[in-house]
């Protein structure tokens, strides 16, 4: 009685209006989301030299907290390298 249970909302219930294609797509996303980072090489093989940016507008703005000014840093250029290092670095 003293234990509080946190409500967990699972994605098992599909809305009635979604079609079969959407249900299959969501199931595939769930399966891919459950894979660990070590298995990511099995899912896709991409040559990093062939990757191009689809959008030239920078969206990921971060204001660096400072006492006198608030400079803005855009993470759009750094994010692919950070993700690459986080997935392929031996020391995490």
C-alpha atoms as a PDB file:
ATOM      1  CA  UNK A   1       0.000   0.000   0.000  1.00  0.00           C
ATOM      2  CA  UNK A   2       2.894   2.357   0.664  1.00  0.00           C
ATOM      3  CA  UNK A   3       4.380   1.778  -2.778  1.00  0.00           C
ATOM      4  CA  UNK A   4       3.408   4.113  -5.559  1.00  0.00           C
ATOM      5  CA  UNK A   5       3.290   2.659  -9.025  1.00  0.00           C
ATOM      6  CA  UNK A   6       4.164   4.938 -11.887  1.00  0.00           C
ATOM      7  CA  UNK A   7       1.812   4.702 -14.831  1.00  0.00           C
ATOM      8  CA  UNK A   8       3.509   3.324 -17.906  1.00  0.00           C
ATOM      9  CA  UNK A   9       1.970   4.066 -21.253  1.00  0.00           C
ATOM     10  CA  UNK A  10       2.855   1.437 -23.821  1.00  0.00           C
ATOM     11  CA  UNK A  11       2.522   1.848 -27.537  1.00  0.00           C
ATOM     12  CA  UNK A  12       0.831  -1.532 -27.965  1.00  0.00           C
ATOM     13  CA  UNK A  13      -2.592  -0.003 -28.466  1.00  0.00           C
ATOM     14  CA  UNK A  14      -2.967   1.269 -32.007  1.00  0.00           C
ATOM     15  CA  UNK A  15      -5.539   3.925 -32.831  1.00  0.00           C
ATOM     16  CA  UNK A  16      -8.488   2.649 -34.811  1.00  0.00           C
ATOM     17  CA  UNK A  17      -8.029   5.198 -37.592  1.00  0.00           C
ATOM     18  CA  UNK A  18      -4.496   4.068 -38.519  1.00  0.00           C
ATOM     19  CA  UNK A  19      -4.109   1.767 -41.466  1.00  0.00           C
ATOM     20  CA  UNK A  20      -2.052  -1.397 -41.793  1.00  0.00           C
ATOM     21  CA  UNK A  21       0.949   0.429 -43.283  1.00  0.00           C
ATOM     22  CA  UNK A  22       1.201   2.739 -40.262  1.00  0.00           C
ATOM     23  CA  UNK A  23       0.923  -0.206 -37.849  1.00  0.00           C
ATOM     24  CA  UNK A  24       3.721  -2.084 -39.621  1.00  0.00           C
ATOM     25  CA  UNK A  25       5.881   1.053 -39.699  1.00  0.00           C
ATOM     26  CA  UNK A  26       5.419   1.605 -35.955  1.00  0.00           C
ATOM     27  CA  UNK A  27       6.291  -2.017 -35.204  1.00  0.00           C
ATOM     28  CA  UNK A  28       9.476  -1.735 -37.260  1.00  0.00           C
ATOM     29  CA  UNK A  29      10.402   1.468 -35.408  1.00  0.00           C
ATOM     30  CA  UNK A  30       9.852  -0.289 -32.081  1.00  0.00           C
ATOM     31  CA  UNK A  31      12.089  -3.185 -33.094  1.00  0.00           C
ATOM     32  CA  UNK A  32      14.817  -0.856 -34.352  1.00  0.00           C
ATOM     33  CA  UNK A  33      14.544   1.253 -31.203  1.00  0.00           C
ATOM     34  CA  UNK A  34      15.163  -1.792 -29.031  1.00  0.00           C
ATOM     35  CA  UNK A  35      18.445  -2.625 -30.766  1.00  0.00           C
ATOM     36  CA  UNK A  36      21.581  -1.580 -28.969  1.00  0.00           C
ATOM     37  CA  UNK A  37      24.151   0.747 -30.493  1.00  0.00           C
ATOM     38  CA  UNK A  38      26.419  -2.240 -31.115  1.00  0.00           C
ATOM     39  CA  UNK A  39      23.857  -3.658 -33.544  1.00  0.00           C
ATOM     40  CA  UNK A  40      23.486  -0.448 -35.555  1.00  0.00           C
ATOM     41  CA  UNK A  41      26.041  -1.634 -38.123  1.00  0.00           C
ATOM     42  CA  UNK A  42      23.733  -4.554 -38.937  1.00  0.00           C
ATOM     43  CA  UNK A  43      20.805  -2.289 -39.729  1.00  0.00           C
ATOM     44  CA  UNK A  44      22.466   0.121 -42.114  1.00  0.00           C
ATOM     45  CA  UNK A  45      25.688   0.452 -44.017  1.00  0.00           C
ATOM     46  CA  UNK A  46      26.415   4.036 -44.979  1.00  0.00           C
ATOM     47  CA  UNK A  47      29.529   5.505 -46.488  1.00  0.00           C
ATOM     48  CA  UNK A  48      30.041   8.691 -44.473  1.00  0.00           C
ATOM     49  CA  UNK A  49      31.668  10.410 -47.454  1.00  0.00           C
ATOM     50  CA  UNK A  50      28.381  10.246 -49.378  1.00  0.00           C
ATOM     51  CA  UNK A  51      26.243  11.898 -46.697  1.00  0.00           C
ATOM     52  CA  UNK A  52      24.928  15.347 -47.566  1.00  0.00           C
ATOM     53  CA  UNK A  53      22.844  17.810 -45.630  1.00  0.00           C
ATOM     54  CA  UNK A  54      19.224  18.167 -46.673  1.00  0.00           C
ATOM     55  CA  UNK A  55      18.675  21.462 -44.919  1.00  0.00           C
ATOM     56  CA  UNK A  56      21.033  24.422 -44.943  1.00  0.00           C
ATOM     57  CA  UNK A  57      19.173  26.332 -42.218  1.00  0.00           C
ATOM     58  CA  UNK A  58      20.646  25.902 -38.756  1.00  0.00           C
ATOM     59  CA  UNK A  59      17.999  24.852 -36.226  1.00  0.00           C
ATOM     60  CA  UNK A  60      19.774  23.613 -33.087  1.00  0.00           C
ATOM     61  CA  UNK A  61      20.588  26.845 -31.281  1.00  0.00           C
ATOM     62  CA  UNK A  62      22.055  26.832 -27.767  1.00  0.00           C
ATOM     63  CA  UNK A  63      22.656  29.977 -25.738  1.00  0.00           C
ATOM     64  CA  UNK A  64      25.839  29.669 -23.696  1.00  0.00           C
ATOM     65  CA  UNK A  65      25.143  30.940 -20.180  1.00  0.00           C
ATOM     66  CA  UNK A  66      27.441  33.792 -19.315  1.00  0.00           C
ATOM     67  CA  UNK A  67      27.318  36.722 -16.926  1.00  0.00           C
ATOM     68  CA  UNK A  68      27.605  39.523 -19.457  1.00  0.00           C
ATOM     69  CA  UNK A  69      26.600  38.122 -22.872  1.00  0.00           C
ATOM     70  CA  UNK A  70      24.618  35.179 -24.218  1.00  0.00           C
ATOM     71  CA  UNK A  71      26.405  33.909 -27.315  1.00  0.00           C
ATOM     72  CA  UNK A  72      24.471  31.459 -29.460  1.00  0.00           C
ATOM     73  CA  UNK A  73      26.099  28.272 -30.677  1.00  0.00           C
ATOM     74  CA  UNK A  74      24.491  26.211 -33.411  1.00  0.00           C
ATOM     75  CA  UNK A  75      24.974  22.463 -32.962  1.00  0.00           C
ATOM     76  CA  UNK A  76      23.971  21.539 -36.518  1.00  0.00           C
ATOM     77  CA  UNK A  77      27.554  21.316 -37.762  1.00  0.00           C
ATOM     78  CA  UNK A  78      28.845  19.491 -34.657  1.00  0.00           C
ATOM     79  CA  UNK A  79      26.050  16.977 -34.117  1.00  0.00           C
ATOM     80  CA  UNK A  80      27.020  14.433 -36.830  1.00  0.00           C
ATOM     81  CA  UNK A  81      30.573  14.255 -35.475  1.00  0.00           C
ATOM     82  CA  UNK A  82      29.361  13.963 -31.870  1.00  0.00           C
ATOM     83  CA  UNK A  83      27.037  11.109 -32.837  1.00  0.00           C
ATOM     84  CA  UNK A  84      29.815   9.396 -34.787  1.00  0.00           C
ATOM     85  CA  UNK A  85      32.176   9.649 -31.816  1.00  0.00           C
ATOM     86  CA  UNK A  86      29.544   8.436 -29.366  1.00  0.00           C
ATOM     87  CA  UNK A  87      28.761   5.363 -31.465  1.00  0.00           C
ATOM     88  CA  UNK A  88      32.315   4.440 -32.440  1.00  0.00           C
ATOM     89  CA  UNK A  89      34.430   5.519 -29.469  1.00  0.00           C
ATOM     90  CA  UNK A  90      35.947   2.684 -27.406  1.00  0.00           C
ATOM     91  CA  UNK A  91      35.797   4.787 -24.204  1.00  0.00           C
ATOM     92  CA  UNK A  92      32.236   5.880 -23.562  1.00  0.00           C
END
